[in-house]
Amino acid sequence: PKDSRAKSDSDICQKCPEDQWPDPGKTR
């Protein structure tokens, strides 16, 4: 969600699949 990209402490989070890894900013 667009809002979650703008906020690093957003309440709306989506867990990455098991074969993927989040970037340091936890946005992708």
PDB file of all heavy atoms in Angstrom:
ATOM      1  N   PRO A   1       0.813  -1.200   0.000  1.00  0.00           N
ATOM      2  CA  PRO A   1       0.000   0.000   0.000  1.00  0.00           C
ATOM      3  C   PRO A   1       0.847   1.251   0.000  1.00  0.00           C
ATOM      4  O   PRO A   1       1.932   1.306   0.581  1.00  0.00           O
ATOM      5  CB  PRO A   1      -0.809  -0.138   1.297  1.00  0.00           C
ATOM      6  CG  PRO A   1      -0.842  -1.594   1.569  1.00  0.00           C
ATOM      7  CD  PRO A   1       0.444  -2.132   1.070  1.00  0.00           C
ATOM      8  N   LYS A   2       0.340   2.287  -0.690  1.00  0.00           N
ATOM      9  CA  LYS A   2       1.096   3.522  -0.854  1.00  0.00           C
ATOM     10  C   LYS A   2       1.440   4.157   0.487  1.00  0.00           C
ATOM     11  O   LYS A   2       2.533   4.682   0.686  1.00  0.00           O
ATOM     12  CB  LYS A   2       0.290   4.500  -1.719  1.00  0.00           C
ATOM     13  CG  LYS A   2       1.067   5.769  -2.048  1.00  0.00           C
ATOM     14  CD  LYS A   2       0.255   6.686  -2.945  1.00  0.00           C
ATOM     15  CE  LYS A   2       0.136   6.097  -4.326  1.00  0.00           C
ATOM     16  NZ  LYS A   2      -0.525   7.038  -5.273  1.00  0.00           N
ATOM     17  N   ASP A   3       0.516   4.109   1.425  1.00  0.00           N
ATOM     18  CA  ASP A   3       0.762   4.733   2.713  1.00  0.00           C
ATOM     19  C   ASP A   3       1.911   4.067   3.464  1.00  0.00           C
ATOM     20  O   ASP A   3       2.681   4.712   4.150  1.00  0.00           O
ATOM     21  CB  ASP A   3      -0.501   4.675   3.579  1.00  0.00           C
ATOM     22  CG  ASP A   3      -1.615   5.560   2.996  1.00  0.00           C
ATOM     23  OD1 ASP A   3      -1.276   6.450   2.208  1.00  0.00           O
ATOM     24  OD2 ASP A   3      -2.786   5.308   3.347  1.00  0.00           O
ATOM     25  N   SER A   4       1.989   2.717   3.279  1.00  0.00           N
ATOM     26  CA  SER A   4       3.030   1.995   4.009  1.00  0.00           C
ATOM     27  C   SER A   4       4.414   2.275   3.452  1.00  0.00           C
ATOM     28  O   SER A   4       5.407   2.139   4.144  1.00  0.00           O
ATOM     29  CB  SER A   4       2.759   0.495   3.975  1.00  0.00           C
ATOM     30  OG  SER A   4       2.877   0.014   2.665  1.00  0.00           O
ATOM     31  N   ARG A   5       4.518   2.658   2.163  1.00  0.00           N
ATOM     32  CA  ARG A   5       5.807   3.013   1.595  1.00  0.00           C
ATOM     33  C   ARG A   5       6.312   4.329   2.192  1.00  0.00           C
ATOM     34  O   ARG A   5       7.495   4.541   2.349  1.00  0.00           O
ATOM     35  CB  ARG A   5       5.712   3.147   0.077  1.00  0.00           C
ATOM     36  CG  ARG A   5       5.514   1.833  -0.661  1.00  0.00           C
ATOM     37  CD  ARG A   5       5.396   2.108  -2.155  1.00  0.00           C
ATOM     38  NE  ARG A   5       5.193   0.880  -2.891  1.00  0.00           N
ATOM     39  CZ  ARG A   5       6.172   0.111  -3.372  1.00  0.00           C
ATOM     40  NH1 ARG A   5       7.421   0.444  -3.155  1.00  0.00           N
ATOM     41  NH2 ARG A   5       5.904  -0.982  -4.034  1.00  0.00           N
ATOM     42  N   ALA A   6       5.401   5.208   2.515  1.00  0.00           N
ATOM     43  CA  ALA A   6       5.795   6.529   2.996  1.00  0.00           C
ATOM     44  C   ALA A   6       6.157   6.519   4.468  1.00  0.00           C
ATOM     45  O   ALA A   6       6.887   7.372   4.938  1.00  0.00           O
ATOM     46  CB  ALA A   6       4.670   7.530   2.762  1.00  0.00           C
ATOM     47  N   LYS A   7       5.646   5.551   5.229  1.00  0.00           N
ATOM     48  CA  LYS A   7       5.870   5.504   6.672  1.00  0.00           C
ATOM     49  C   LYS A   7       6.626   4.228   7.032  1.00  0.00           C
ATOM     50  O   LYS A   7       6.186   3.143   6.720  1.00  0.00           O
ATOM     51  CB  LYS A   7       4.533   5.543   7.416  1.00  0.00           C
ATOM     52  CG  LYS A   7       3.709   6.793   7.122  1.00  0.00           C
ATOM     53  CD  LYS A   7       2.394   6.716   7.868  1.00  0.00           C
ATOM     54  CE  LYS A   7       1.519   7.933   7.548  1.00  0.00           C
ATOM     55  NZ  LYS A   7       0.216   7.857   8.266  1.00  0.00           N
ATOM     56  N   SER A   8       7.754   4.421   7.692  1.00  0.00           N
ATOM     57  CA  SER A   8       8.523   3.251   8.114  1.00  0.00           C
ATOM     58  C   SER A   8       7.920   2.559   9.318  1.00  0.00           C
ATOM     59  O   SER A   8       8.242   1.430   9.613  1.00  0.00           O
ATOM     60  CB  SER A   8       9.973   3.665   8.431  1.00  0.00           C
ATOM     61  OG  SER A   8       9.981   4.626   9.462  1.00  0.00           O
ATOM     62  N   ASP A   9       7.051   3.246  10.054  1.00  0.00           N
ATOM     63  CA  ASP A   9       6.437   2.654  11.238  1.00  0.00           C
ATOM     64  C   ASP A   9       4.942   2.431  11.031  1.00  0.00           C
ATOM     65  O   ASP A   9       4.156   2.504  11.975  1.00  0.00           O
ATOM     66  CB  ASP A   9       6.678   3.547  12.453  1.00  0.00           C
ATOM     67  CG  ASP A   9       6.137   4.954  12.252  1.00  0.00           C
ATOM     68  OD1 ASP A   9       5.767   5.285  11.109  1.00  0.00           O
ATOM     69  OD2 ASP A   9       6.084   5.711  13.253  1.00  0.00           O
ATOM     70  N   SER A  10       4.546   2.132   9.791  1.00  0.00           N
ATOM     71  CA  SER A  10       3.132   1.962   9.486  1.00  0.00           C
ATOM     72  C   SER A  10       2.565   0.730  10.162  1.00  0.00           C
ATOM     73  O   SER A  10       3.278  -0.261  10.396  1.00  0.00           O
ATOM     74  CB  SER A  10       2.944   1.858   7.970  1.00  0.00           C
ATOM     75  OG  SER A  10       1.613   1.554   7.661  1.00  0.00           O
ATOM     76  N   ASP A  11       1.286   0.787  10.494  1.00  0.00           N
ATOM     77  CA  ASP A  11       0.606  -0.365  11.078  1.00  0.00           C
ATOM     78  C   ASP A  11       0.219  -1.391  10.023  1.00  0.00           C
ATOM     79  O   ASP A  11      -0.093  -2.527  10.347  1.00  0.00           O
ATOM     80  CB  ASP A  11      -0.662   0.096  11.811  1.00  0.00           C
ATOM     81  CG  ASP A  11      -0.326   0.947  13.027  1.00  0.00           C
ATOM     82  OD1 ASP A  11       0.784   0.764  13.570  1.00  0.00           O
ATOM     83  OD2 ASP A  11      -1.156   1.792  13.409  1.00  0.00           O
ATOM     84  N   ILE A  12       0.224  -0.954   8.756  1.00  0.00           N
ATOM     85  CA  ILE A  12      -0.146  -1.861   7.667  1.00  0.00           C
ATOM     86  C   ILE A  12       1.133  -2.462   7.094  1.00  0.00           C
ATOM     87  O   ILE A  12       1.901  -1.774   6.422  1.00  0.00           O
ATOM     88  CB  ILE A  12      -0.933  -1.132   6.566  1.00  0.00           C
ATOM     89  CG1 ILE A  12      -2.161  -0.458   7.173  1.00  0.00           C
ATOM     90  CG2 ILE A  12      -1.324  -2.097   5.463  1.00  0.00           C
ATOM     91  CD1 ILE A  12      -2.912   0.411   6.180  1.00  0.00           C
ATOM     92  N   CYS A  13       1.399  -3.730   7.370  1.00  0.00           N
ATOM     93  CA  CYS A  13       2.625  -4.396   6.911  1.00  0.00           C
ATOM     94  C   CYS A  13       2.273  -5.678   6.170  1.00  0.00           C
ATOM     95  O   CYS A  13       1.279  -6.335   6.485  1.00  0.00           O
ATOM     96  CB  CYS A  13       3.531  -4.727   8.088  1.00  0.00           C
ATOM     97  SG  CYS A  13       4.144  -3.291   8.981  1.00  0.00           S
ATOM     98  N   GLN A  14       3.109  -6.014   5.207  1.00  0.00           N
ATOM     99  CA  GLN A  14       2.938  -7.249   4.448  1.00  0.00           C
ATOM    100  C   GLN A  14       4.227  -8.051   4.525  1.00  0.00           C
ATOM    101  O   GLN A  14       5.289  -7.566   4.154  1.00  0.00           O
ATOM    102  CB  GLN A  14       2.594  -6.942   2.991  1.00  0.00           C
ATOM    103  CG  GLN A  14       2.381  -8.194   2.159  1.00  0.00           C
ATOM    104  CD  GLN A  14       1.935  -7.863   0.746  1.00  0.00           C
ATOM    105  OE1 GLN A  14       1.542  -6.723   0.480  1.00  0.00           O
ATOM    106  NE2 GLN A  14       1.997  -8.822  -0.138  1.00  0.00           N
ATOM    107  N   LYS A  15       4.118  -9.260   5.041  1.00  0.00           N
ATOM    108  CA  LYS A  15       5.294 -10.101   5.199  1.00  0.00           C
ATOM    109  C   LYS A  15       5.797 -10.599   3.854  1.00  0.00           C
ATOM    110  O   LYS A  15       5.017 -10.998   2.994  1.00  0.00           O
ATOM    111  CB  LYS A  15       4.965 -11.284   6.105  1.00  0.00           C
ATOM    112  CG  LYS A  15       6.168 -12.134   6.480  1.00  0.00           C
ATOM    113  CD  LYS A  15       5.776 -13.255   7.428  1.00  0.00           C
ATOM    114  CE  LYS A  15       6.985 -14.086   7.805  1.00  0.00           C
ATOM    115  NZ  LYS A  15       6.622 -15.197   8.737  1.00  0.00           N
ATOM    116  N   CYS A  16       7.117 -10.558   3.668  1.00  0.00           N
ATOM    117  CA  CYS A  16       7.704 -11.047   2.415  1.00  0.00           C
ATOM    118  C   CYS A  16       7.552 -12.565   2.334  1.00  0.00           C
ATOM    119  O   CYS A  16       7.600 -13.265   3.354  1.00  0.00           O
ATOM    120  CB  CYS A  16       9.188 -10.689   2.332  1.00  0.00           C
ATOM    121  SG  CYS A  16       9.543  -8.939   2.159  1.00  0.00           S
ATOM    122  N   PRO A  17       7.399 -13.099   1.118  1.00  0.00           N
ATOM    123  CA  PRO A  17       7.369 -14.560   0.953  1.00  0.00           C
ATOM    124  C   PRO A  17       8.663 -15.189   1.457  1.00  0.00           C
ATOM    125  O   PRO A  17       9.679 -14.513   1.634  1.00  0.00           O
ATOM    126  CB  PRO A  17       7.203 -14.743  -0.559  1.00  0.00           C
ATOM    127  CG  PRO A  17       6.638 -13.453  -1.048  1.00  0.00           C
ATOM    128  CD  PRO A  17       7.194 -12.392  -0.159  1.00  0.00           C
ATOM    129  N   GLU A  18       8.652 -16.509   1.642  1.00  0.00           N
ATOM    130  CA  GLU A  18       9.800 -17.211   2.223  1.00  0.00           C
ATOM    131  C   GLU A  18      11.037 -17.145   1.343  1.00  0.00           C
ATOM    132  O   GLU A  18      12.158 -17.206   1.837  1.00  0.00           O
ATOM    133  CB  GLU A  18       9.426 -18.673   2.493  1.00  0.00           C
ATOM    134  CG  GLU A  18      10.397 -19.370   3.438  1.00  0.00           C
ATOM    135  CD  GLU A  18       9.933 -20.761   3.821  1.00  0.00           C
ATOM    136  OE1 GLU A  18       9.237 -21.377   2.999  1.00  0.00           O
ATOM    137  OE2 GLU A  18      10.251 -21.217   4.927  1.00  0.00           O
ATOM    138  N   ASP A  19      10.836 -17.023   0.021  1.00  0.00           N
ATOM    139  CA  ASP A  19      11.978 -16.977  -0.883  1.00  0.00           C
ATOM    140  C   ASP A  19      12.424 -15.551  -1.194  1.00  0.00           C
ATOM    141  O   ASP A  19      13.202 -15.331  -2.130  1.00  0.00           O
ATOM    142  CB  ASP A  19      11.649 -17.714  -2.190  1.00  0.00           C
ATOM    143  CG  ASP A  19      10.466 -17.101  -2.921  1.00  0.00           C
ATOM    144  OD1 ASP A  19       9.734 -16.294  -2.308  1.00  0.00           O
ATOM    145  OD2 ASP A  19      10.269 -17.434  -4.109  1.00  0.00           O
ATOM    146  N   GLN A  20      11.929 -14.560  -0.440  1.00  0.00           N
ATOM    147  CA  GLN A  20      12.324 -13.166  -0.644  1.00  0.00           C
ATOM    148  C   GLN A  20      12.757 -12.548   0.677  1.00  0.00           C
ATOM    149  O   GLN A  20      12.487 -13.082   1.762  1.00  0.00           O
ATOM    150  CB  GLN A  20      11.166 -12.373  -1.277  1.00  0.00           C
ATOM    151  CG  GLN A  20      10.803 -12.857  -2.673  1.00  0.00           C
ATOM    152  CD  GLN A  20       9.720 -12.020  -3.318  1.00  0.00           C
ATOM    153  OE1 GLN A  20       9.497 -10.867  -2.924  1.00  0.00           O
ATOM    154  NE2 GLN A  20       9.039 -12.581  -4.311  1.00  0.00           N
ATOM    155  N   TRP A  21      13.407 -11.368   0.571  1.00  0.00           N
ATOM    156  CA  TRP A  21      14.019 -10.727   1.722  1.00  0.00           C
ATOM    157  C   TRP A  21      13.743  -9.236   1.660  1.00  0.00           C
ATOM    158  O   TRP A  21      13.869  -8.622   0.606  1.00  0.00           O
ATOM    159  CB  TRP A  21      15.525 -10.999   1.705  1.00  0.00           C
ATOM    160  CG  TRP A  21      16.268 -10.531   2.902  1.00  0.00           C
ATOM    161  CD1 TRP A  21      17.096  -9.458   2.996  1.00  0.00           C
ATOM    162  CD2 TRP A  21      16.240 -11.115   4.202  1.00  0.00           C
ATOM    163  NE1 TRP A  21      17.589  -9.335   4.259  1.00  0.00           N
ATOM    164  CE2 TRP A  21      17.081 -10.352   5.037  1.00  0.00           C
ATOM    165  CE3 TRP A  21      15.582 -12.225   4.749  1.00  0.00           C
ATOM    166  CZ2 TRP A  21      17.294 -10.636   6.373  1.00  0.00           C
ATOM    167  CZ3 TRP A  21      15.786 -12.505   6.082  1.00  0.00           C
ATOM    168  CH2 TRP A  21      16.639 -11.739   6.883  1.00  0.00           C
ATOM    169  N   PRO A  22      13.370  -8.585   2.780  1.00  0.00           N
ATOM    170  CA  PRO A  22      13.067  -7.152   2.746  1.00  0.00           C
ATOM    171  C   PRO A  22      14.332  -6.307   2.645  1.00  0.00           C
ATOM    172  O   PRO A  22      15.408  -6.714   3.099  1.00  0.00           O
ATOM    173  CB  PRO A  22      12.338  -6.911   4.065  1.00  0.00           C
ATOM    174  CG  PRO A  22      12.860  -7.970   4.974  1.00  0.00           C
ATOM    175  CD  PRO A  22      13.097  -9.174   4.110  1.00  0.00           C
ATOM    176  N   ASP A  23      14.197  -5.114   2.051  1.00  0.00           N
ATOM    177  CA  ASP A  23      15.324  -4.179   1.998  1.00  0.00           C
ATOM    178  C   ASP A  23      15.513  -3.532   3.368  1.00  0.00           C
ATOM    179  O   ASP A  23      14.676  -3.705   4.265  1.00  0.00           O
ATOM    180  CB  ASP A  23      15.087  -3.140   0.916  1.00  0.00           C
ATOM    181  CG  ASP A  23      13.937  -2.204   1.262  1.00  0.00           C
ATOM    182  OD1 ASP A  23      13.118  -2.585   2.124  1.00  0.00           O
ATOM    183  OD2 ASP A  23      13.853  -1.112   0.686  1.00  0.00           O
ATOM    184  N   PRO A  24      16.619  -2.816   3.589  1.00  0.00           N
ATOM    185  CA  PRO A  24      16.861  -2.217   4.908  1.00  0.00           C
ATOM    186  C   PRO A  24      15.737  -1.304   5.392  1.00  0.00           C
ATOM    187  O   PRO A  24      15.500  -1.193   6.603  1.00  0.00           O
ATOM    188  CB  PRO A  24      18.163  -1.433   4.705  1.00  0.00           C
ATOM    189  CG  PRO A  24      18.865  -2.155   3.608  1.00  0.00           C
ATOM    190  CD  PRO A  24      17.784  -2.635   2.692  1.00  0.00           C
ATOM    191  N   GLY A  25      15.039  -0.630   4.465  1.00  0.00           N
ATOM    192  CA  GLY A  25      13.959   0.250   4.869  1.00  0.00           C
ATOM    193  C   GLY A  25      12.642  -0.453   5.114  1.00  0.00           C
ATOM    194  O   GLY A  25      11.653   0.188   5.496  1.00  0.00           O
ATOM    195  N   LYS A  26      12.607  -1.770   4.905  1.00  0.00           N
ATOM    196  CA  LYS A  26      11.402  -2.576   5.110  1.00  0.00           C
ATOM    197  C   LYS A  26      10.235  -2.107   4.241  1.00  0.00           C
ATOM    198  O   LYS A  26       9.067  -2.162   4.639  1.00  0.00           O
ATOM    199  CB  LYS A  26      10.964  -2.542   6.590  1.00  0.00           C
ATOM    200  CG  LYS A  26      12.031  -2.908   7.595  1.00  0.00           C
ATOM    201  CD  LYS A  26      12.455  -4.346   7.473  1.00  0.00           C
ATOM    202  CE  LYS A  26      13.479  -4.723   8.548  1.00  0.00           C
ATOM    203  NZ  LYS A  26      13.933  -6.115   8.444  1.00  0.00           N
ATOM    204  N   THR A  27      10.570  -1.629   3.026  1.00  0.00           N
ATOM    205  CA  THR A  27       9.510  -1.152   2.142  1.00  0.00           C
ATOM    206  C   THR A  27       9.322  -2.015   0.915  1.00  0.00           C
ATOM    207  O   THR A  27       8.297  -1.910   0.239  1.00  0.00           O
ATOM    208  CB  THR A  27       9.812   0.289   1.677  1.00  0.00           C
ATOM    209  OG1 THR A  27      11.073   0.320   0.992  1.00  0.00           O
ATOM    210  CG2 THR A  27       9.848   1.248   2.876  1.00  0.00           C
ATOM    211  N   ARG A  28      10.310  -2.849   0.578  1.00  0.00           N
ATOM    212  CA  ARG A  28      10.214  -3.690  -0.616  1.00  0.00           C
ATOM    213  C   ARG A  28      10.796  -5.069  -0.323  1.00  0.00           C
ATOM    214  O   ARG A  28      11.582  -5.239   0.609  1.00  0.00           O
ATOM    215  CB  ARG A  28      10.938  -3.054  -1.801  1.00  0.00           C
ATOM    216  CG  ARG A  28      10.427  -1.675  -2.170  1.00  0.00           C
ATOM    217  CD  ARG A  28      11.198  -1.129  -3.347  1.00  0.00           C
ATOM    218  NE  ARG A  28      10.988  -1.932  -4.541  1.00  0.00           N
ATOM    219  CZ  ARG A  28      11.632  -1.731  -5.690  1.00  0.00           C
ATOM    220  NH1 ARG A  28      12.537  -0.784  -5.791  1.00  0.00           N
ATOM    221  NH2 ARG A  28      11.379  -2.494  -6.733  1.00  0.00           N
TER     222      ARG A  28
END
